[in-house]
């Protein structure tokens, strides 16, 4: 069955581009496109970075998961596969908006982590109105959306940016 992810929001392009921005991410996505793969197999094949990559893919619902019993250990373990086979991009951007989004996509990890930690500090444990965060950072709402799409530490909930809680 062919499942297509429709992208209408330009900020979603940040998530899509970042999902394949390194060889390891592309390899993990390719492995998951082949079918259900246990997390232990991903860690063995692609290294410890796989766990962070899975968290990123889960945030954007690029993958789905289920529990399976590992035949070697006899213990239940999460297994993953890609949810979508294709993407349909239906959006329009001005040159300025394109520049803003590409700036977020191509931003160095160091620069992004600096902004990400500022956002974490601004939103606290309960979250904060997105426009207040954008004003405090001095960025446009589109740039802020792109930053939120790039991070796995926080996300939008309505008009607020809230911290994401990790799996227990």
Protein backbone atom coordinates (compact mmCIF):
# COMPACT_ATOMS: atom_id res chain seq x y z
CA UNK A 1 0.00 0.00 0.00
CA UNK A 2 1.34 3.42 -0.94
CA UNK A 3 1.14 6.02 1.82
CA UNK A 4 1.93 9.60 0.87
CA UNK A 5 2.72 12.34 3.38
CA UNK A 6 1.25 15.64 2.24
CA UNK A 7 3.35 18.66 3.22
CA UNK A 8 1.39 21.91 3.18
CA UNK A 9 3.30 23.82 5.86
CA UNK A 10 6.62 25.21 4.62
CA UNK A 11 8.20 24.64 8.05
CA UNK A 12 7.64 20.89 7.59
CA UNK A 13 10.30 21.03 4.88
CA UNK A 14 12.89 21.59 7.64
CA UNK A 15 11.96 18.24 9.20
CA UNK A 16 12.02 16.48 5.85
CA UNK A 17 15.42 17.86 4.83
CA UNK A 18 16.92 17.18 8.27
CA UNK A 19 15.63 13.59 8.16
CA UNK A 20 18.10 12.84 5.35
CA UNK A 21 20.88 15.35 6.08
CA UNK A 22 23.56 12.78 6.97
CA UNK A 23 24.66 9.44 5.65
CA UNK A 24 23.69 7.71 8.90
CA UNK A 25 20.16 9.18 8.84
CA UNK A 26 19.73 8.19 5.19
CA UNK A 27 20.97 4.66 5.95
CA UNK A 28 18.64 4.26 8.94
CA UNK A 29 15.68 5.53 6.89
CA UNK A 30 16.61 3.16 4.06
CA UNK A 31 16.82 0.21 6.47
CA UNK A 32 13.40 1.09 7.91
CA UNK A 33 11.95 1.40 4.41
CA UNK A 34 12.86 -2.26 3.84
CA UNK A 35 10.50 -3.36 6.63
CA UNK A 36 10.17 -3.89 10.37
CA UNK A 37 13.54 -3.61 12.11
CA UNK A 38 14.24 -4.02 15.83
CA UNK A 39 16.04 -1.25 17.68
CA UNK A 40 18.84 -3.66 18.64
CA UNK A 41 19.45 -4.39 14.95
CA UNK A 42 19.54 -0.67 14.15
CA UNK A 43 22.03 -0.04 16.96
CA UNK A 44 24.23 -2.90 15.75
CA UNK A 45 24.08 -1.89 12.10
CA UNK A 46 24.16 1.94 12.39
CA UNK A 47 25.58 2.66 15.84
CA UNK A 48 24.35 4.44 18.96
CA UNK A 49 23.24 7.46 16.94
CA UNK A 50 20.30 5.33 15.74
CA UNK A 51 18.37 5.93 18.99
CA UNK A 52 18.48 9.72 18.49
CA UNK A 53 17.56 9.33 14.84
CA UNK A 54 14.55 7.19 15.79
CA UNK A 55 13.41 9.88 18.26
CA UNK A 56 13.64 12.48 15.47
CA UNK A 57 11.72 10.30 13.00
CA UNK A 58 9.04 9.56 15.62
CA UNK A 59 8.46 13.25 16.32
CA UNK A 60 7.55 13.81 12.68
CA UNK A 61 5.64 10.57 12.35
CA UNK A 62 7.92 9.36 9.58
CA UNK A 63 7.99 5.91 11.19
CA UNK A 64 5.66 3.61 13.07
CA UNK A 65 6.51 1.16 15.83
CA UNK A 66 5.31 -2.06 17.38
CA UNK A 67 6.53 -4.46 20.04
CA UNK A 68 8.11 -7.76 18.98
CA UNK A 69 9.89 -10.51 20.86
CA UNK A 70 13.60 -10.62 20.11
CA UNK A 71 14.36 -14.23 19.10
CA UNK A 72 17.88 -14.03 20.57
CA UNK A 73 17.01 -12.61 23.99
CA UNK A 74 13.38 -13.66 24.32
CA UNK A 75 12.53 -10.16 25.53
CA UNK A 76 10.06 -7.70 23.98
CA UNK A 77 11.66 -4.92 21.98
CA UNK A 78 10.42 -2.07 19.83
CA UNK A 79 10.54 -2.53 16.09
CA UNK A 80 10.21 0.25 13.50
CA UNK A 81 9.46 0.82 9.83
CA UNK A 82 8.77 3.85 7.65
CA UNK A 83 5.19 5.00 7.61
CA UNK A 84 5.27 6.82 4.28
CA UNK A 85 6.48 5.65 0.88
CA UNK A 86 6.38 9.09 -0.73
CA UNK A 87 6.00 12.80 -0.06
CA UNK A 88 3.82 15.32 -1.84
CA UNK A 89 4.90 18.91 -1.32
CA UNK A 90 2.19 21.47 -1.94
CA UNK A 91 3.29 24.88 -0.70
CA UNK A 92 4.58 28.18 -1.95
CA UNK A 93 7.26 30.41 -0.47
CA UNK A 94 8.58 33.87 -1.15
CA UNK A 95 12.33 34.24 -1.64
CA UNK A 96 12.62 35.65 1.90
CA UNK A 97 10.71 32.71 3.39
CA UNK A 98 12.86 30.27 1.45
CA UNK A 99 15.98 31.97 2.77
CA UNK A 100 14.66 31.78 6.36
CA UNK A 101 13.90 28.06 6.14
CA UNK A 102 17.16 27.19 4.41
CA UNK A 103 19.02 29.13 7.10
CA UNK A 104 17.45 26.85 9.73
CA UNK A 105 18.10 23.70 7.67
CA UNK A 106 21.75 24.56 6.96
CA UNK A 107 22.51 26.06 10.38
CA UNK A 108 25.51 24.46 12.11
CA UNK A 109 24.75 22.09 14.97
CA UNK A 110 26.60 24.40 17.38
CA UNK A 111 24.53 27.44 16.38
CA UNK A 112 21.31 25.41 16.50
CA UNK A 113 22.11 23.95 19.93
CA UNK A 114 22.67 27.48 21.25
CA UNK A 115 19.22 28.57 20.02
CA UNK A 116 17.66 25.30 21.15
CA UNK A 117 18.97 25.74 24.71
CA UNK A 118 17.63 29.33 24.77
CA UNK A 119 14.21 28.06 23.72
CA UNK A 120 14.29 25.31 26.38
CA UNK A 121 15.12 27.97 28.97
CA UNK A 122 12.33 30.28 27.73
CA UNK A 123 9.58 27.64 27.68
CA UNK A 124 10.40 26.11 31.07
CA UNK A 125 8.58 22.96 32.13
CA UNK A 126 5.07 24.11 31.21
CA UNK A 127 5.57 25.76 27.82
CA UNK A 128 5.14 29.32 26.58
CA UNK A 129 3.20 31.19 23.91
CA UNK A 130 5.16 30.83 20.65
CA UNK A 131 5.02 34.53 19.73
CA UNK A 132 6.65 35.44 23.06
CA UNK A 133 9.50 33.02 22.34
CA UNK A 134 9.96 34.40 18.82
CA UNK A 135 10.00 37.98 20.13
CA UNK A 136 12.53 37.11 22.87
CA UNK A 137 14.79 35.40 20.31
CA UNK A 138 14.29 38.11 17.68
CA UNK A 139 13.21 35.66 14.97
CA UNK A 140 10.19 35.51 12.66
CA UNK A 141 7.37 33.06 13.27
CA UNK A 142 8.47 31.01 10.23
CA UNK A 143 12.05 30.76 11.51
CA UNK A 144 10.73 29.76 14.94
CA UNK A 145 8.53 27.08 13.35
CA UNK A 146 11.58 25.77 11.52
CA UNK A 147 13.62 25.68 14.74
CA UNK A 148 10.83 23.79 16.51
CA UNK A 149 10.60 21.31 13.61
CA UNK A 150 14.34 20.68 13.81
CA UNK A 151 14.37 19.94 17.56
CA UNK A 152 13.31 16.83 19.47
CA UNK A 153 13.27 18.71 22.80
CA UNK A 154 10.05 20.67 22.22
CA UNK A 155 7.08 20.94 19.90
CA UNK A 156 3.97 22.99 19.24
CA UNK A 157 0.80 22.35 21.20
CA UNK A 158 -1.74 24.80 19.85
CA UNK A 159 -0.09 28.24 19.92
CA UNK A 160 2.37 27.23 22.63
CA UNK A 161 5.79 25.64 22.49
CA UNK A 162 5.99 22.86 25.08
CA UNK A 163 8.82 20.56 26.14
CA UNK A 164 8.61 16.97 24.92
CA UNK A 165 8.73 14.31 27.57
CA UNK A 166 10.98 11.34 26.80
CA UNK A 167 9.72 7.77 26.97
CA UNK A 168 9.86 6.35 30.46
